N, C-alpha and C. Protein backbone atom coordinates (compact mmCIF):
# COMPACT_ATOMS: atom_id res chain seq x y z
N MET A 1 88.00 75.34 97.91
CA MET A 1 89.21 74.55 98.02
C MET A 1 90.11 75.17 99.09
N PRO A 2 90.61 74.40 100.03
CA PRO A 2 91.48 74.95 101.07
C PRO A 2 92.86 75.32 100.52
N VAL A 3 93.50 76.26 101.17
CA VAL A 3 94.86 76.64 100.81
C VAL A 3 95.81 75.65 101.47
N ARG A 4 96.74 75.12 100.66
CA ARG A 4 97.68 74.13 101.19
C ARG A 4 99.10 74.67 101.14
N GLN A 5 100.02 73.97 101.77
CA GLN A 5 101.40 74.43 101.88
C GLN A 5 102.09 74.58 100.54
N GLY A 6 101.76 73.81 99.54
CA GLY A 6 102.41 73.90 98.24
C GLY A 6 101.87 75.01 97.35
N ASP A 7 100.78 75.66 97.77
CA ASP A 7 100.17 76.72 96.98
C ASP A 7 101.00 78.00 97.08
N ARG A 8 100.87 78.85 96.07
CA ARG A 8 101.61 80.11 96.03
C ARG A 8 100.64 81.25 96.31
N VAL A 9 101.01 82.14 97.24
CA VAL A 9 100.19 83.31 97.56
C VAL A 9 100.97 84.56 97.19
N THR A 10 100.36 85.41 96.37
CA THR A 10 100.96 86.68 96.01
C THR A 10 99.97 87.80 96.33
N MET A 11 100.49 89.02 96.28
CA MET A 11 99.66 90.19 96.57
C MET A 11 99.72 91.14 95.39
N LEU A 12 98.58 91.65 94.96
CA LEU A 12 98.52 92.57 93.84
C LEU A 12 99.44 93.76 94.11
N GLY A 13 100.33 94.07 93.15
CA GLY A 13 101.26 95.17 93.29
C GLY A 13 102.59 94.77 93.89
N HIS A 14 102.71 93.52 94.33
CA HIS A 14 103.97 93.01 94.91
C HIS A 14 104.32 91.75 94.12
N ASP A 15 105.47 91.74 93.46
CA ASP A 15 105.77 90.68 92.48
C ASP A 15 106.39 89.41 93.05
N ARG A 16 106.52 89.29 94.35
CA ARG A 16 107.14 88.10 94.92
C ARG A 16 106.13 87.31 95.75
N PRO A 17 106.30 85.99 95.83
CA PRO A 17 105.42 85.20 96.71
C PRO A 17 105.60 85.65 98.16
N LEU A 18 104.54 85.52 98.92
CA LEU A 18 104.57 85.89 100.33
C LEU A 18 104.90 84.69 101.20
N ASP A 19 105.62 84.94 102.29
CA ASP A 19 105.93 83.88 103.25
C ASP A 19 104.69 83.57 104.07
N ARG A 20 104.54 82.28 104.41
CA ARG A 20 103.38 81.86 105.19
C ARG A 20 103.80 80.86 106.25
N GLU A 21 103.01 80.78 107.29
CA GLU A 21 103.18 79.77 108.34
C GLU A 21 101.88 79.00 108.47
N PHE A 22 101.99 77.72 108.74
CA PHE A 22 100.82 76.89 108.99
C PHE A 22 100.90 76.34 110.40
N ASP A 23 99.80 76.42 111.11
CA ASP A 23 99.72 75.86 112.46
C ASP A 23 98.37 75.17 112.56
N GLY A 24 98.39 73.87 112.37
CA GLY A 24 97.13 73.12 112.35
C GLY A 24 96.31 73.58 111.16
N GLY A 25 95.10 74.06 111.40
CA GLY A 25 94.23 74.52 110.33
C GLY A 25 94.32 76.02 110.08
N THR A 26 95.29 76.69 110.70
CA THR A 26 95.42 78.13 110.57
C THR A 26 96.62 78.50 109.72
N GLN A 27 96.42 79.45 108.83
CA GLN A 27 97.50 79.94 107.98
C GLN A 27 97.73 81.42 108.29
N THR A 28 98.98 81.81 108.44
CA THR A 28 99.35 83.20 108.65
C THR A 28 100.20 83.64 107.47
N VAL A 29 99.77 84.72 106.80
CA VAL A 29 100.51 85.27 105.67
C VAL A 29 101.32 86.46 106.17
N ARG A 30 102.60 86.46 105.88
CA ARG A 30 103.47 87.57 106.29
C ARG A 30 103.59 88.54 105.12
N VAL A 31 103.13 89.76 105.34
CA VAL A 31 103.17 90.79 104.31
C VAL A 31 104.33 91.74 104.63
N PRO A 32 105.38 91.76 103.79
CA PRO A 32 106.53 92.62 104.07
C PRO A 32 106.17 94.11 103.99
N ALA A 33 106.99 94.93 104.63
CA ALA A 33 106.73 96.38 104.68
C ALA A 33 106.60 96.99 103.28
N ALA A 34 107.43 96.54 102.33
CA ALA A 34 107.36 97.09 100.96
C ALA A 34 105.99 96.80 100.33
N ALA A 35 105.44 95.64 100.59
CA ALA A 35 104.12 95.29 100.04
C ALA A 35 103.02 96.06 100.77
N ARG A 36 103.14 96.23 102.08
CA ARG A 36 102.14 96.98 102.84
C ARG A 36 102.07 98.43 102.36
N ALA A 37 103.22 99.00 102.01
CA ALA A 37 103.27 100.39 101.55
C ALA A 37 102.55 100.58 100.22
N LYS A 38 102.50 99.55 99.38
CA LYS A 38 101.86 99.66 98.07
C LYS A 38 100.34 99.59 98.15
N GLY A 39 99.82 98.93 99.18
CA GLY A 39 98.38 98.78 99.32
C GLY A 39 97.86 99.62 100.46
N ARG A 40 97.64 100.89 100.20
CA ARG A 40 97.27 101.80 101.27
C ARG A 40 95.85 101.58 101.80
N TYR A 41 94.89 101.28 100.92
CA TYR A 41 93.50 101.17 101.35
C TYR A 41 92.95 99.76 101.33
N ALA A 42 93.51 98.92 100.48
CA ALA A 42 93.01 97.54 100.39
C ALA A 42 94.12 96.64 99.86
N TRP A 43 94.09 95.39 100.27
CA TRP A 43 95.05 94.40 99.78
C TRP A 43 94.28 93.32 99.04
N VAL A 44 94.84 92.87 97.91
CA VAL A 44 94.23 91.80 97.13
C VAL A 44 95.24 90.67 97.05
N PHE A 45 94.84 89.48 97.51
CA PHE A 45 95.72 88.31 97.49
C PHE A 45 95.27 87.36 96.40
N LYS A 46 96.23 86.73 95.75
CA LYS A 46 95.96 85.72 94.74
C LYS A 46 96.56 84.41 95.22
N ILE A 47 95.78 83.34 95.13
CA ILE A 47 96.26 82.00 95.53
C ILE A 47 96.31 81.13 94.29
N ASP A 48 97.52 80.65 93.95
CA ASP A 48 97.69 79.69 92.86
C ASP A 48 97.68 78.31 93.47
N TRP A 49 96.57 77.59 93.30
CA TRP A 49 96.43 76.26 93.88
C TRP A 49 97.20 75.23 93.09
N THR A 50 97.83 74.31 93.80
CA THR A 50 98.45 73.14 93.18
C THR A 50 97.47 71.98 93.32
N ARG A 51 97.59 71.02 92.48
CA ARG A 51 96.68 69.86 92.57
C ARG A 51 97.31 68.73 93.32
């Protein structure tokens, strides 16, 4: 299932939704410095799909 604009993207260890940009078929997720600091070796993203 593709990620759409209404879906929510979060990162394990960071309790707030992440900001995203859409440009055609490309999505860019903006990971804030506080979230980057928590994931030193790997990042895990969760996508809550809307119907």
